[in-house]
């Protein structure tokens, strides 16, 4: 997908006054609260579990036998 996904509202204040920002390729600027943010798709949930939770046992922080 070469086009950027368009967010419908600011995740911080909820306003819809969003414009593409020059700060980064996927950055959006909110005209109401003046924050600049990015939106990134991490992955898809398959079978009710998240992709990041699939390998949680081997992600470190645990003890090994």
C-alpha atoms as a PDB file:
ATOM      1  CA  UNK A   1       0.000   0.000   0.000  1.00  0.00           C
ATOM      2  CA  UNK A   2       1.698   3.166  -1.109  1.00  0.00           C
ATOM      3  CA  UNK A   3      -0.823   5.741   0.124  1.00  0.00           C
ATOM      4  CA  UNK A   4      -0.935   6.800   3.751  1.00  0.00           C
ATOM      5  CA  UNK A   5      -3.972   5.847   5.794  1.00  0.00           C
ATOM      6  CA  UNK A   6      -6.041   8.847   6.829  1.00  0.00           C
ATOM      7  CA  UNK A   7      -6.991   9.034  10.523  1.00  0.00           C
ATOM      8  CA  UNK A   8     -10.496  10.338  11.214  1.00  0.00           C
ATOM      9  CA  UNK A   9      -9.698  12.183  14.457  1.00  0.00           C
ATOM     10  CA  UNK A  10      -6.801  13.177  16.705  1.00  0.00           C
ATOM     11  CA  UNK A  11      -6.047  10.430  19.265  1.00  0.00           C
ATOM     12  CA  UNK A  12      -5.272  13.095  21.892  1.00  0.00           C
ATOM     13  CA  UNK A  13      -8.111  15.630  21.674  1.00  0.00           C
ATOM     14  CA  UNK A  14     -10.634  13.963  19.328  1.00  0.00           C
ATOM     15  CA  UNK A  15     -10.818  16.847  16.846  1.00  0.00           C
ATOM     16  CA  UNK A  16     -11.068  16.183  13.109  1.00  0.00           C
ATOM     17  CA  UNK A  17      -8.850  19.091  11.965  1.00  0.00           C
ATOM     18  CA  UNK A  18      -5.933  16.940  10.727  1.00  0.00           C
ATOM     19  CA  UNK A  19      -3.383  17.700   8.021  1.00  0.00           C
ATOM     20  CA  UNK A  20      -0.359  15.783   6.734  1.00  0.00           C
ATOM     21  CA  UNK A  21       2.783  16.935   8.548  1.00  0.00           C
ATOM     22  CA  UNK A  22       6.235  17.471   7.108  1.00  0.00           C
ATOM     23  CA  UNK A  23       7.846  15.985  10.250  1.00  0.00           C
ATOM     24  CA  UNK A  24       7.805  12.436   8.886  1.00  0.00           C
ATOM     25  CA  UNK A  25       6.347  10.358   6.038  1.00  0.00           C
ATOM     26  CA  UNK A  26       3.374   9.130   8.077  1.00  0.00           C
ATOM     27  CA  UNK A  27       2.956  12.094  10.446  1.00  0.00           C
ATOM     28  CA  UNK A  28      -0.275  14.030  10.954  1.00  0.00           C
ATOM     29  CA  UNK A  29      -0.669  17.458  12.564  1.00  0.00           C
ATOM     30  CA  UNK A  30      -3.740  18.364  14.615  1.00  0.00           C
ATOM     31  CA  UNK A  31      -4.864  21.961  14.131  1.00  0.00           C
ATOM     32  CA  UNK A  32      -6.722  22.007  17.457  1.00  0.00           C
ATOM     33  CA  UNK A  33      -4.127  20.762  19.979  1.00  0.00           C
ATOM     34  CA  UNK A  34      -1.055  21.322  17.738  1.00  0.00           C
ATOM     35  CA  UNK A  35       0.271  17.803  18.326  1.00  0.00           C
ATOM     36  CA  UNK A  36       2.018  15.846  15.582  1.00  0.00           C
ATOM     37  CA  UNK A  37       1.538  12.065  15.639  1.00  0.00           C
ATOM     38  CA  UNK A  38       1.974   8.986  13.475  1.00  0.00           C
ATOM     39  CA  UNK A  39      -0.292   6.001  12.935  1.00  0.00           C
ATOM     40  CA  UNK A  40       1.320   2.601  12.401  1.00  0.00           C
ATOM     41  CA  UNK A  41      -0.294  -0.763  11.720  1.00  0.00           C
ATOM     42  CA  UNK A  42       1.416  -3.338  13.920  1.00  0.00           C
ATOM     43  CA  UNK A  43      -0.338  -6.448  12.575  1.00  0.00           C
ATOM     44  CA  UNK A  44      -3.547  -8.396  12.422  1.00  0.00           C
ATOM     45  CA  UNK A  45      -5.110 -10.423  15.199  1.00  0.00           C
ATOM     46  CA  UNK A  46      -5.625 -14.033  14.152  1.00  0.00           C
ATOM     47  CA  UNK A  47      -7.966 -16.343  16.006  1.00  0.00           C
ATOM     48  CA  UNK A  48      -8.624 -13.890  18.820  1.00  0.00           C
ATOM     49  CA  UNK A  49      -4.975 -13.456  19.814  1.00  0.00           C
ATOM     50  CA  UNK A  50      -2.607 -10.684  18.846  1.00  0.00           C
ATOM     51  CA  UNK A  51       0.484 -11.328  16.766  1.00  0.00           C
ATOM     52  CA  UNK A  52       2.726  -9.876  19.497  1.00  0.00           C
ATOM     53  CA  UNK A  53       1.222 -12.198  22.119  1.00  0.00           C
ATOM     54  CA  UNK A  54       1.987 -15.350  20.126  1.00  0.00           C
ATOM     55  CA  UNK A  55       5.615 -15.516  21.219  1.00  0.00           C
ATOM     56  CA  UNK A  56       5.250 -13.900  24.633  1.00  0.00           C
ATOM     57  CA  UNK A  57       6.873 -16.829  26.407  1.00  0.00           C
ATOM     58  CA  UNK A  58      10.115 -16.379  24.495  1.00  0.00           C
ATOM     59  CA  UNK A  59      10.251 -12.591  24.420  1.00  0.00           C
ATOM     60  CA  UNK A  60      12.592 -12.282  27.386  1.00  0.00           C
ATOM     61  CA  UNK A  61      11.901 -11.340  30.963  1.00  0.00           C
ATOM     62  CA  UNK A  62      11.050 -14.952  31.791  1.00  0.00           C
ATOM     63  CA  UNK A  63      13.241 -17.615  33.319  1.00  0.00           C
ATOM     64  CA  UNK A  64      14.673 -20.497  31.366  1.00  0.00           C
ATOM     65  CA  UNK A  65      14.792 -24.076  32.623  1.00  0.00           C
END
